[in-house]
Amino acid sequence: MIFMKLSSLKRLRVIVSVIFLSLTSFVFLDYRNLLPEDWINGIVYLQFIPSLLKFINLFSLSVLGFIIILVFTMLFGRVYCSTICPLGILQDVFSFFARKFKKRKKRFYRYLKPGNILRYTLLGITTVLFLFGSILLLNLLDPYSNYGRFMTYFVKPVVVALNNGLSTILEKFDIYTVFPVKLIKIQFEILLFPILMLILVLWLSLTNGRLFCNTVCPVGTLLGLLSRFSLYKIRIEKSACTDCGLCARVCKSSCMDYKEGKVDFTRCVACYNCLTVCTSDSVKYSRQKGILSIRQPEPVSVQHKATPDLNKRKFIAGSVAWLLGIAGISMAKEIPVNEKPTEIPEKKEFPVSPPGTVSIKNFTDNCTACTLCISVCPTDVLQPSFLQYGISGIMQPHMDYHSGFCNYDCVICSQVCPTGAILPVTLENKQLIQLGKSIFVKDNCIVHTDKTDCGACSEVCPTKAVYMVPYEGDLFIPEVNNDICVGCGACEYACPTIPYKAIYVDGNAVHLAAEKPEEEELKAPSTEEDFPF
């Protein structure tokens, strides 16, 4: 009887959906890193596949979001698909605008027979591959990860471009509250699958509502199976039904067979559209024998309150400091560029996986390529891979030291990863994780080829694993101590040679422990001498 006191379930569903869609979108579009890690974790906590994988990796009671979804499904049906899943809500947005432009709006939906062969085959293959240690299909079909890729690859560049355009305009009026942001460049090959998936989702939602959820998405199929046993279900009382067909015309899942008086609840995504249009009070939301009916709910106010968190991310200061440091070195020393292109390619045996991944295999076995770590990375070093991890690791992020470097004082990716592919690490531990080893190629170095001073790599090395030693005359050339190198890639990023770097990081297949660098003693300035400047 508790549902009799609720407002219209459809209205409540819309409100909750808008909140989840807005917050999830902001997580991926937050190019200024405004959201604290705890907020990000809270927002993505209930995403089914990431929560399941993180539970398997950590086996902790703090990552039971998927259990909550299962409980809600057993009680009320597929409420995850209607109110929490961002890709599902996005389909509703597409369908909403499609109905607005469709001439015969009242007949937008109709009852369709279920495509059980396709939906259960995809679920079966996904499950078998997962049990045998491959999440390739799960990676490609997970609705949360697909939505994340849409936001990161297609929407975020537009937002950043608008920000940079506004920044340029405001600068002309000496207004600097909006500042330009680096626009990430993604390889076209990596965009092919997200483009095809976006076209598929868009087409299916414009023509058949939630057909993607009920034929392609393995999460929707799994929750649909469980919803067979839901405590509360939508039912049709055939004795009271007038066969007007209004319920079928608004059912985005095409699961209302009003002629037979049946509802395929495995496909119902709990949109509650049918409850608001039935004129004969024959559509019920009931427990077993129809003890609960919702027809004309009394309005109640639904408030969403968020307590603002005024704490800023600690890594921002470190990121800015390193970026300004590299920029300062460039301006102060006017780092030269090699006169002729370098000829010796970088021979990397392994790609570099993020700190906290333990090993490349552990990372690729658990990452769904949702791009959240890519979105929050303050130095843009995390980039989607193409074939760096092999075909099974396509779109999973790797450390691209030509695009950025791993901030020595940053652990944000390990704090926000929703699947546990990047395990949480403390800053102290992270600073001793050796992601890879630095390789110096003397024949590419401009100190050797152009007989000119440089030293950019040693200047930016946070552990001083790269240092300068006498070479010829007054020239100094880099040398590497890989015992204390953590493979952060600052040296590779700062190296000015093109197209091949004179120093680069070869990844470790299994992350190692670096030795702690010795701290240099700081000498206080002498009071007997004049101040040096």
Protein backbone atom coordinates (compact mmCIF):
# COMPACT_ATOMS: atom_id res chain seq x y z
CA MET A 1 0.00 0.00 0.00
CA ILE A 2 2.98 2.29 0.30
CA PHE A 3 2.88 3.01 -3.43
CA MET A 4 -0.59 4.52 -3.11
CA LYS A 5 1.07 7.51 -1.37
CA LEU A 6 3.62 8.13 -4.10
CA SER A 7 3.31 10.65 -6.85
CA SER A 8 3.03 9.55 -10.43
CA LEU A 9 5.70 6.92 -10.97
CA LYS A 10 6.36 8.27 -14.42
CA ARG A 11 7.04 11.75 -13.06
CA LEU A 12 9.29 10.33 -10.35
CA ARG A 13 11.10 8.23 -12.92
CA VAL A 14 11.73 11.26 -15.12
CA ILE A 15 13.08 13.31 -12.21
CA VAL A 16 15.47 10.57 -11.07
CA SER A 17 16.56 9.91 -14.65
CA VAL A 18 17.38 13.56 -15.28
CA ILE A 19 19.44 13.71 -12.08
CA PHE A 20 21.44 10.57 -12.90
CA LEU A 21 21.97 11.52 -16.53
CA SER A 22 23.10 15.04 -15.63
CA LEU A 23 25.51 13.91 -12.93
CA THR A 24 26.97 11.06 -14.99
CA SER A 25 27.44 13.36 -17.98
CA PHE A 26 29.17 15.97 -15.83
CA VAL A 27 31.61 13.32 -14.56
CA PHE A 28 32.87 12.80 -18.11
CA LEU A 29 32.60 16.44 -19.24
CA ASP A 30 34.24 17.99 -16.17
CA TYR A 31 37.29 19.35 -18.00
CA ARG A 32 38.19 21.61 -15.07
CA ASN A 33 38.29 18.73 -12.54
CA LEU A 34 35.76 20.34 -10.22
CA LEU A 35 34.25 17.14 -8.82
CA PRO A 36 36.06 15.52 -5.86
CA GLU A 37 36.87 11.83 -6.14
CA ASP A 38 34.26 10.86 -3.52
CA TRP A 39 31.52 12.51 -5.56
CA ILE A 40 32.62 10.73 -8.72
CA ASN A 41 32.63 7.38 -6.92
CA GLY A 42 29.18 8.10 -5.51
CA ILE A 43 27.75 9.02 -8.90
CA VAL A 44 28.99 5.86 -10.65
CA TYR A 45 28.45 3.60 -7.62
CA LEU A 46 25.25 2.04 -8.98
CA GLN A 47 26.51 1.31 -12.51
CA PHE A 48 26.01 -2.43 -12.81
CA ILE A 49 29.00 -3.83 -14.75
CA PRO A 50 31.67 -1.55 -13.19
CA SER A 51 30.35 -2.33 -9.71
CA LEU A 52 30.35 -6.08 -10.41
CA LEU A 53 33.94 -6.04 -11.69
CA LYS A 54 35.14 -3.91 -8.80
CA PHE A 55 33.51 -6.27 -6.31
CA ILE A 56 35.28 -9.22 -7.94
CA ASN A 57 38.61 -7.38 -7.78
CA LEU A 58 38.34 -5.96 -4.26
CA PHE A 59 35.75 -8.28 -2.67
CA SER A 60 34.69 -5.43 -0.42
CA LEU A 61 31.30 -4.52 1.04
CA SER A 62 31.95 -0.93 -0.01
CA VAL A 63 31.42 -1.78 -3.70
CA LEU A 64 28.03 -3.48 -3.62
CA GLY A 65 26.24 -1.18 -6.04
CA PHE A 66 25.33 -4.08 -8.32
CA ILE A 67 23.76 -5.93 -5.37
CA ILE A 68 21.51 -2.92 -4.75
CA ILE A 69 20.48 -3.02 -8.41
CA LEU A 70 19.70 -6.73 -8.19
CA VAL A 71 17.55 -6.16 -5.09
CA PHE A 72 15.63 -3.34 -6.76
CA THR A 73 15.14 -5.51 -9.83
CA MET A 74 13.72 -8.34 -7.75
CA LEU A 75 11.34 -5.87 -6.11
CA PHE A 76 10.27 -3.50 -8.88
CA GLY A 77 11.64 -4.69 -12.20
CA ARG A 78 14.24 -3.02 -14.41
CA VAL A 79 14.38 0.34 -12.66
CA TYR A 80 18.13 0.43 -13.37
CA CYS A 81 17.42 0.57 -17.10
CA SER A 82 14.88 3.38 -16.74
CA THR A 83 16.46 5.66 -14.13
CA ILE A 84 20.18 4.90 -13.63
CA CYS A 85 21.69 3.54 -16.85
CA PRO A 86 22.91 6.62 -18.78
CA LEU A 87 22.73 4.90 -22.16
CA GLY A 88 19.15 3.84 -21.53
CA ILE A 89 18.15 7.37 -20.54
CA LEU A 90 19.95 8.73 -23.61
CA GLN A 91 17.76 6.50 -25.76
CA ASP A 92 14.71 8.02 -24.09
CA VAL A 93 16.02 11.47 -25.00
CA PHE A 94 16.44 10.42 -28.63
CA SER A 95 12.96 8.88 -28.67
CA PHE A 96 11.43 11.96 -27.09
CA PHE A 97 12.65 14.21 -29.88
CA ALA A 98 11.74 11.60 -32.49
CA ARG A 99 8.13 11.63 -31.27
CA LYS A 100 8.09 15.40 -31.41
CA PHE A 101 8.86 15.35 -35.11
CA LYS A 102 6.83 12.26 -35.99
CA LYS A 103 3.50 13.03 -37.65
CA ARG A 104 1.56 10.17 -36.14
CA LYS A 105 2.78 10.55 -32.57
CA LYS A 106 0.06 8.36 -31.03
CA ARG A 107 1.26 5.33 -32.99
CA PHE A 108 4.96 5.74 -32.35
CA TYR A 109 5.24 2.37 -30.54
CA ARG A 110 3.53 -0.95 -31.06
CA TYR A 111 3.78 -4.43 -29.61
CA LEU A 112 6.65 -6.50 -31.07
CA LYS A 113 7.54 -10.11 -30.53
CA PRO A 114 10.72 -10.53 -28.46
CA GLY A 115 13.99 -11.25 -30.26
CA ASN A 116 14.92 -13.90 -27.73
CA ILE A 117 17.38 -15.76 -29.96
CA LEU A 118 19.57 -12.69 -30.43
CA ARG A 119 19.31 -11.32 -26.89
CA TYR A 120 20.03 -14.61 -25.13
CA THR A 121 22.78 -15.56 -27.59
CA LEU A 122 24.61 -12.29 -26.92
CA LEU A 123 24.16 -12.73 -23.18
CA GLY A 124 25.40 -16.32 -23.36
CA ILE A 125 28.50 -15.48 -25.41
CA THR A 126 29.31 -12.52 -23.16
CA THR A 127 28.97 -14.69 -20.05
CA VAL A 128 31.08 -17.55 -21.44
CA LEU A 129 33.86 -15.19 -22.53
CA PHE A 130 33.76 -13.51 -19.12
CA LEU A 131 34.01 -16.83 -17.29
CA PHE A 132 37.02 -17.74 -19.44
CA GLY A 133 38.76 -14.48 -18.54
CA SER A 134 37.90 -12.22 -21.50
CA ILE A 135 35.84 -9.06 -21.11
CA LEU A 136 36.14 -8.04 -24.77
CA LEU A 137 32.42 -8.38 -25.53
CA LEU A 138 31.52 -6.92 -22.15
CA ASN A 139 33.82 -4.01 -22.95
CA LEU A 140 32.07 -3.42 -26.29
CA LEU A 141 28.46 -3.81 -25.07
CA ASP A 142 28.48 -2.43 -21.51
CA PRO A 143 25.97 0.47 -21.59
CA TYR A 144 27.80 2.62 -19.03
CA SER A 145 31.13 2.31 -20.84
CA ASN A 146 29.55 3.07 -24.22
CA TYR A 147 27.95 6.19 -22.78
CA GLY A 148 31.29 7.24 -21.32
CA ARG A 149 32.94 6.88 -24.71
CA PHE A 150 30.19 8.94 -26.35
CA MET A 151 30.72 11.74 -23.85
CA THR A 152 34.54 11.68 -23.96
CA TYR A 153 35.01 11.26 -27.70
CA PHE A 154 32.11 13.24 -29.15
CA VAL A 155 30.63 15.66 -26.63
CA LYS A 156 33.63 16.74 -24.57
CA PRO A 157 35.62 18.04 -27.57
CA VAL A 158 32.64 20.25 -28.45
CA VAL A 159 32.41 21.55 -24.88
CA VAL A 160 36.17 22.24 -24.77
CA ALA A 161 36.05 23.96 -28.17
CA LEU A 162 33.20 26.20 -26.99
CA ASN A 163 35.15 26.99 -23.82
CA ASN A 164 38.26 27.90 -25.80
CA GLY A 165 36.26 30.03 -28.20
CA LEU A 166 34.65 31.90 -25.31
CA SER A 167 38.07 32.31 -23.70
CA THR A 168 39.43 33.92 -26.87
CA ILE A 169 36.51 36.36 -27.01
CA LEU A 170 36.74 37.31 -23.34
CA GLU A 171 40.50 37.89 -23.55
CA LYS A 172 39.82 40.76 -25.95
CA PHE A 173 37.95 42.46 -23.11
CA ASP A 174 40.69 41.62 -20.57
CA ILE A 175 38.48 39.03 -18.88
CA TYR A 176 40.37 35.88 -17.89
CA THR A 177 37.86 33.98 -15.76
CA VAL A 178 37.57 31.46 -18.60
CA PHE A 179 40.88 30.03 -19.74
CA PRO A 180 41.68 27.74 -22.70
CA VAL A 181 41.96 23.99 -22.23
CA LYS A 182 44.00 21.53 -24.27
CA LEU A 183 41.88 19.64 -26.78
CA ILE A 184 42.68 15.92 -26.80
CA LYS A 185 43.32 14.39 -30.22
CA ILE A 186 42.01 10.85 -30.65
CA GLN A 187 43.12 8.50 -33.43
CA PHE A 188 40.38 7.98 -36.00
CA GLU A 189 40.78 4.19 -35.84
CA ILE A 190 39.80 4.29 -32.16
CA LEU A 191 36.66 6.28 -32.98
CA LEU A 192 35.32 3.75 -35.48
CA PHE A 193 33.57 1.47 -32.98
CA PRO A 194 32.07 4.30 -30.86
CA ILE A 195 30.77 5.91 -34.07
CA LEU A 196 29.15 2.66 -35.22
CA MET A 197 27.69 2.04 -31.77
CA LEU A 198 26.29 5.58 -31.58
CA ILE A 199 24.67 5.15 -34.99
CA LEU A 200 23.14 1.82 -33.89
CA VAL A 201 21.80 3.22 -30.61
CA LEU A 202 20.47 6.34 -32.33
CA TRP A 203 18.75 4.40 -35.12
CA LEU A 204 17.12 1.84 -32.82
CA SER A 205 15.91 4.46 -30.35
CA LEU A 206 14.49 6.67 -33.10
CA THR A 207 12.60 3.78 -34.67
CA ASN A 208 11.82 1.34 -31.86
CA GLY A 209 12.46 2.96 -28.48
CA ARG A 210 14.34 0.57 -26.19
CA LEU A 211 15.02 -2.15 -28.77
CA PHE A 212 18.77 -1.86 -28.11
CA CYS A 213 18.21 -2.58 -24.40
CA ASN A 214 16.08 -5.63 -25.18
CA THR A 215 18.12 -7.21 -27.97
CA VAL A 216 21.77 -6.12 -27.72
CA CYS A 217 22.56 -5.02 -24.17
CA PRO A 218 23.64 -7.98 -21.95
CA VAL A 219 22.84 -6.03 -18.79
CA GLY A 220 19.27 -5.43 -19.95
CA THR A 221 18.84 -9.09 -20.84
CA LEU A 222 20.21 -10.28 -17.50
CA LEU A 223 18.04 -7.91 -15.48
CA GLY A 224 15.11 -8.88 -17.69
CA LEU A 225 15.54 -12.51 -16.71
CA LEU A 226 15.57 -11.57 -13.03
CA SER A 227 12.54 -9.32 -13.44
CA ARG A 228 10.45 -12.44 -14.12
CA PHE A 229 10.51 -12.89 -10.37
CA SER A 230 9.92 -9.24 -9.41
CA LEU A 231 7.60 -8.67 -6.46
CA TYR A 232 5.74 -5.84 -8.19
CA LYS A 233 4.82 -6.06 -11.86
CA ILE A 234 2.76 -4.22 -14.42
CA ARG A 235 -0.28 -6.27 -15.39
CA ILE A 236 -3.32 -5.93 -17.63
CA GLU A 237 -6.75 -6.82 -16.23
CA LYS A 238 -8.34 -8.15 -19.39
CA SER A 239 -11.85 -8.02 -17.92
CA ALA A 240 -11.63 -4.24 -17.58
CA CYS A 241 -9.59 -3.57 -20.76
CA THR A 242 -11.41 -1.85 -23.65
CA ASP A 243 -8.73 -2.80 -26.21
CA CYS A 244 -8.06 0.85 -26.97
CA GLY A 245 -4.35 0.11 -27.40
CA LEU A 246 -3.16 3.30 -25.70
CA CYS A 247 -0.80 1.38 -23.43
CA ALA A 248 0.94 -0.29 -26.38
CA ARG A 249 1.31 3.03 -28.20
CA VAL A 250 3.31 4.56 -25.36
CA CYS A 251 5.28 1.43 -24.38
CA LYS A 252 8.89 2.15 -25.40
CA SER A 253 9.78 -1.53 -24.82
CA SER A 254 7.01 -2.77 -27.15
CA CYS A 255 6.08 -5.37 -24.54
CA MET A 256 2.36 -4.55 -23.99
CA ASP A 257 0.17 -7.13 -25.79
CA TYR A 258 -3.20 -5.61 -24.92
CA LYS A 259 -5.07 -7.95 -27.29
CA GLU A 260 -3.96 -10.96 -25.28
CA GLY A 261 -3.90 -9.06 -22.00
CA LYS A 262 -0.25 -9.88 -21.37
CA VAL A 263 2.88 -7.92 -20.49
CA ASP A 264 6.35 -9.30 -21.30
CA PHE A 265 7.89 -8.07 -18.08
CA THR A 266 11.36 -9.30 -19.08
CA ARG A 267 11.40 -6.47 -21.62
CA CYS A 268 9.64 -3.84 -19.51
CA VAL A 269 12.05 -1.06 -18.52
CA ALA A 270 9.75 0.40 -15.85
CA CYS A 271 8.97 3.63 -17.71
CA TYR A 272 5.38 3.65 -16.31
CA ASN A 273 4.01 5.36 -19.41
CA CYS A 274 1.17 2.85 -19.57
CA LEU A 275 -0.04 3.75 -16.07
CA THR A 276 -0.72 7.33 -17.08
CA VAL A 277 -2.66 6.75 -20.31
CA CYS A 278 -5.03 3.88 -19.48
CA THR A 279 -8.59 5.23 -19.39
CA SER A 280 -10.22 2.04 -18.15
CA ASP A 281 -8.02 1.52 -15.09
CA SER A 282 -7.07 -1.92 -16.42
CA VAL A 283 -3.30 -1.43 -16.24
CA LYS A 284 -2.12 -2.22 -12.73
CA TYR A 285 1.18 -2.02 -10.91
CA SER A 286 0.54 -4.80 -8.47
CA ARG A 287 1.91 -7.46 -6.22
CA GLN A 288 0.68 -10.87 -7.27
CA LYS A 289 -3.11 -10.47 -7.57
CA GLY A 290 -3.42 -6.79 -8.25
CA ILE A 291 -3.64 -5.39 -4.73
CA LEU A 292 -1.98 -2.19 -5.90
CA SER A 293 -3.29 0.18 -8.53
CA ILE A 294 -1.85 3.50 -9.63
CA ARG A 295 -4.11 5.63 -11.77
CA GLN A 296 -4.46 9.16 -10.46
CA PRO A 297 -1.64 9.76 -7.98
CA GLU A 298 -1.67 12.82 -5.81
CA PRO A 299 1.21 15.20 -6.47
CA VAL A 300 4.01 15.39 -3.97
CA SER A 301 7.16 17.40 -4.08
CA VAL A 302 10.40 15.65 -4.86
CA GLN A 303 13.50 17.50 -3.80
CA HIS A 304 17.06 16.70 -4.64
CA LYS A 305 19.52 18.23 -2.29
CA ALA A 306 23.23 18.07 -2.74
CA THR A 307 25.63 19.22 -0.07
CA PRO A 308 28.42 21.09 -1.76
CA ASP A 309 31.92 19.85 -1.11
CA LEU A 310 34.29 22.81 -0.86
CA ASN A 311 37.44 20.71 -0.77
CA LYS A 312 39.54 21.05 -3.92
CA ARG A 313 41.50 18.26 -5.45
CA LYS A 314 44.99 18.12 -4.11
CA PHE A 315 46.45 16.96 -7.39
CA ILE A 316 45.55 20.19 -9.24
CA ALA A 317 48.39 22.12 -7.63
CA GLY A 318 50.87 19.40 -8.50
CA SER A 319 49.64 19.19 -12.09
CA VAL A 320 49.89 22.92 -12.62
CA ALA A 321 53.32 23.01 -11.00
CA TRP A 322 54.71 20.33 -13.31
CA LEU A 323 53.17 21.88 -16.41
CA LEU A 324 54.47 25.32 -15.47
CA GLY A 325 57.83 23.76 -14.68
CA ILE A 326 58.16 22.27 -18.15
CA ALA A 327 56.95 25.51 -19.73
CA GLY A 328 59.38 27.49 -17.59
CA ILE A 329 62.31 25.33 -18.65
CA SER A 330 61.38 25.86 -22.28
CA MET A 331 61.29 29.62 -21.90
CA ALA A 332 64.38 29.89 -19.72
CA LYS A 333 66.69 27.62 -21.68
CA GLU A 334 65.09 27.84 -25.13
CA ILE A 335 65.31 24.10 -25.66
CA PRO A 336 66.45 23.49 -29.26
CA VAL A 337 64.81 21.17 -31.74
CA ASN A 338 66.90 18.72 -33.71
CA GLU A 339 68.00 20.12 -37.07
CA LYS A 340 67.24 16.90 -38.93
CA PRO A 341 64.64 14.22 -38.05
CA THR A 342 65.77 11.42 -35.76
CA GLU A 343 66.06 8.00 -37.41
CA ILE A 344 66.18 5.44 -34.59
CA PRO A 345 62.63 4.36 -33.62
CA GLU A 346 61.52 3.87 -30.03
CA LYS A 347 61.56 0.12 -29.38
CA LYS A 348 58.93 -0.46 -26.71
CA GLU A 349 58.43 -4.08 -25.76
CA PHE A 350 55.36 -3.30 -23.63
CA PRO A 351 52.96 -0.37 -23.37
CA VAL A 352 52.74 1.47 -20.05
CA SER A 353 49.61 0.83 -17.98
CA PRO A 354 48.47 3.28 -15.28
CA PRO A 355 49.75 3.13 -11.69
CA GLY A 356 47.62 0.79 -9.60
CA THR A 357 47.00 -1.70 -12.40
CA VAL A 358 49.60 -4.15 -10.97
CA SER A 359 50.21 -5.64 -14.41
CA ILE A 360 49.12 -5.25 -17.99
CA LYS A 361 47.16 -8.52 -17.86
CA ASN A 362 45.33 -7.56 -14.68
CA PHE A 363 44.43 -4.23 -16.25
CA THR A 364 43.20 -5.53 -19.61
CA ASP A 365 41.22 -8.30 -17.87
CA ASN A 366 39.16 -5.77 -15.89
CA CYS A 367 39.02 -2.51 -17.84
CA THR A 368 35.79 -1.82 -19.77
CA ALA A 369 37.27 1.24 -21.51
CA CYS A 370 34.67 3.58 -20.03
CA THR A 371 37.19 6.50 -20.43
CA LEU A 372 36.51 7.91 -16.95
CA CYS A 373 40.22 7.89 -16.08
CA ILE A 374 40.97 9.55 -19.42
CA SER A 375 38.45 12.29 -18.67
CA VAL A 376 39.80 13.11 -15.21
CA CYS A 377 43.53 12.84 -16.01
CA PRO A 378 44.96 16.35 -15.41
CA THR A 379 47.92 15.93 -17.78
CA ASP A 380 46.15 14.04 -20.62
CA VAL A 381 48.73 11.26 -20.47
CA LEU A 382 46.02 8.59 -20.48
CA GLN A 383 44.90 7.95 -24.05
CA PRO A 384 42.72 5.20 -25.55
CA SER A 385 44.77 2.41 -27.09
CA PHE A 386 44.35 0.94 -30.53
CA LEU A 387 46.49 -2.20 -30.71
CA GLN A 388 49.01 -1.44 -27.96
CA TYR A 389 47.39 -4.12 -25.76
CA GLY A 390 46.33 -6.28 -28.70
CA ILE A 391 42.88 -6.58 -30.25
CA SER A 392 41.26 -7.58 -26.95
CA GLY A 393 42.44 -4.36 -25.30
CA ILE A 394 41.13 -1.95 -27.91
CA MET A 395 40.09 1.44 -26.48
CA GLN A 396 41.54 0.63 -23.04
CA PRO A 397 43.71 3.54 -21.83
CA HIS A 398 47.49 3.48 -21.92
CA MET A 399 50.13 6.02 -20.92
CA ASP A 400 50.97 8.03 -24.02
CA TYR A 401 54.06 10.04 -23.12
CA HIS A 402 53.96 11.96 -26.37
CA SER A 403 50.67 13.49 -25.17
CA GLY A 404 51.55 14.07 -21.53
CA PHE A 405 53.27 12.65 -18.47
CA CYS A 406 52.16 10.99 -15.24
CA ASN A 407 52.09 13.61 -12.50
CA TYR A 408 54.35 12.43 -9.66
CA ASP A 409 51.85 13.79 -7.10
CA CYS A 410 48.63 12.48 -8.66
CA VAL A 411 46.62 9.31 -7.92
CA ILE A 412 43.26 10.44 -9.29
CA CYS A 413 42.86 7.63 -11.85
CA SER A 414 43.26 4.99 -9.13
CA GLN A 415 40.69 6.74 -6.96
CA VAL A 416 37.90 6.98 -9.55
CA CYS A 417 38.23 3.74 -11.58
CA PRO A 418 34.78 2.12 -11.24
CA THR A 419 35.83 -1.43 -12.14
CA GLY A 420 38.96 -1.96 -10.03
CA ALA A 421 41.12 -2.30 -13.14
CA ILE A 422 43.13 0.50 -11.54
CA LEU A 423 43.31 -0.31 -7.85
CA PRO A 424 43.38 2.50 -5.27
CA VAL A 425 46.93 3.47 -4.27
CA THR A 426 48.23 6.02 -1.81
CA LEU A 427 50.47 8.81 -3.03
CA GLU A 428 53.40 7.43 -1.03
CA ASN A 429 53.05 4.00 -2.62
CA LYS A 430 52.44 5.39 -6.09
CA GLN A 431 55.71 7.32 -6.03
CA LEU A 432 57.60 4.02 -5.72
CA ILE A 433 55.68 2.06 -8.38
CA GLN A 434 57.87 1.49 -11.41
CA LEU A 435 55.58 1.55 -14.46
CA GLY A 436 58.49 1.10 -16.84
CA LYS A 437 62.13 1.93 -17.41
CA SER A 438 63.66 4.88 -19.22
CA ILE A 439 65.71 4.07 -22.28
CA PHE A 440 68.24 6.64 -23.57
CA VAL A 441 69.17 6.63 -27.25
CA LYS A 442 72.33 8.70 -27.62
CA ASP A 443 72.18 8.75 -31.43
CA ASN A 444 68.84 10.60 -31.24
CA CYS A 445 69.95 13.14 -28.64
CA ILE A 446 70.65 16.64 -29.95
CA VAL A 447 73.60 16.94 -27.58
CA HIS A 448 75.23 14.21 -29.68
CA THR A 449 73.81 15.00 -33.13
CA ASP A 450 73.78 18.82 -33.05
CA LYS A 451 76.49 19.41 -30.44
CA THR A 452 74.21 21.70 -28.49
CA ASP A 453 73.19 21.90 -24.84
CA CYS A 454 69.77 20.59 -23.75
CA GLY A 455 69.08 18.72 -20.50
CA ALA A 456 65.26 18.99 -20.68
CA CYS A 457 64.80 15.38 -19.59
CA SER A 458 66.90 15.72 -16.44
CA GLU A 459 65.25 18.99 -15.46
CA VAL A 460 61.75 17.49 -15.28
CA CYS A 461 62.63 14.09 -13.75
CA PRO A 462 60.95 14.03 -10.31
CA THR A 463 63.25 11.36 -8.85
CA LYS A 464 66.44 12.54 -10.63
CA ALA A 465 66.73 9.14 -12.25
CA VAL A 466 67.81 11.09 -15.34
CA TYR A 467 70.84 13.28 -14.72
CA MET A 468 73.50 14.98 -16.81
CA VAL A 469 77.13 13.82 -17.05
CA PRO A 470 80.10 15.42 -18.89
CA TYR A 471 80.20 14.59 -22.59
CA GLU A 472 82.37 16.66 -24.90
CA GLY A 473 83.94 19.95 -23.94
CA ASP A 474 81.36 21.98 -22.03
CA LEU A 475 78.50 19.72 -23.10
CA PHE A 476 76.61 17.39 -20.78
CA ILE A 477 74.55 14.38 -21.88
CA PRO A 478 71.80 12.42 -20.07
CA GLU A 479 72.40 9.24 -18.13
CA VAL A 480 69.72 7.06 -16.50
CA ASN A 481 69.55 5.30 -13.14
CA ASN A 482 66.67 2.88 -13.60
CA ASP A 483 66.83 1.75 -9.97
CA ILE A 484 64.98 4.93 -8.96
CA CYS A 485 63.11 5.53 -12.22
CA VAL A 486 59.33 5.22 -11.81
CA GLY A 487 58.52 5.44 -15.53
CA CYS A 488 56.41 8.60 -15.21
CA GLY A 489 57.36 9.67 -18.74
CA ALA A 490 58.21 13.28 -17.88
CA CYS A 491 61.55 12.85 -19.62
CA GLU A 492 59.98 11.42 -22.77
CA TYR A 493 57.34 14.17 -22.88
CA ALA A 494 59.94 16.93 -22.43
CA CYS A 495 62.44 15.54 -24.98
CA PRO A 496 62.37 17.91 -27.98
CA THR A 497 63.58 15.52 -30.69
CA ILE A 498 61.21 14.55 -33.51
CA PRO A 499 59.81 12.24 -34.71
CA TYR A 500 61.55 9.74 -32.40
CA LYS A 501 62.50 10.63 -28.85
CA ALA A 502 66.03 10.42 -27.55
CA ILE A 503 64.66 9.08 -24.25
CA TYR A 504 61.51 7.03 -23.79
CA VAL A 505 59.83 4.67 -21.33
CA ASP A 506 59.47 0.97 -22.05
CA GLY A 507 56.62 -0.42 -19.96
CA ASN A 508 56.88 -3.18 -17.39
CA ALA A 509 54.53 -6.11 -18.03
CA VAL A 510 54.31 -6.40 -14.25
CA HIS A 511 54.83 -3.26 -12.22
CA LEU A 512 57.95 -3.28 -10.06
CA ALA A 513 59.07 -1.39 -6.99
CA ALA A 514 61.56 1.40 -7.52
CA GLU A 515 64.14 2.33 -4.94
CA LYS A 516 63.48 5.47 -2.98
CA PRO A 517 65.65 8.33 -4.25
CA GLU A 518 67.97 10.03 -1.80
CA GLU A 519 66.80 13.43 -0.69
CA GLU A 520 69.27 16.18 -1.35
CA GLU A 521 70.19 18.26 1.67
CA LEU A 522 69.05 21.83 1.34
CA LYS A 523 71.64 24.36 2.36
CA ALA A 524 70.44 27.57 3.99
CA PRO A 525 71.89 30.73 2.44
CA SER A 526 74.87 32.13 4.33
CA THR A 527 74.17 35.31 6.30
CA GLU A 528 77.78 36.46 5.86
CA GLU A 529 77.56 36.77 2.10
CA ASP A 530 75.49 39.09 -0.01
CA PHE A 531 72.12 37.70 -1.12
CA PRO A 532 72.74 36.05 -4.51
CA PHE A 533 70.14 38.14 -6.38
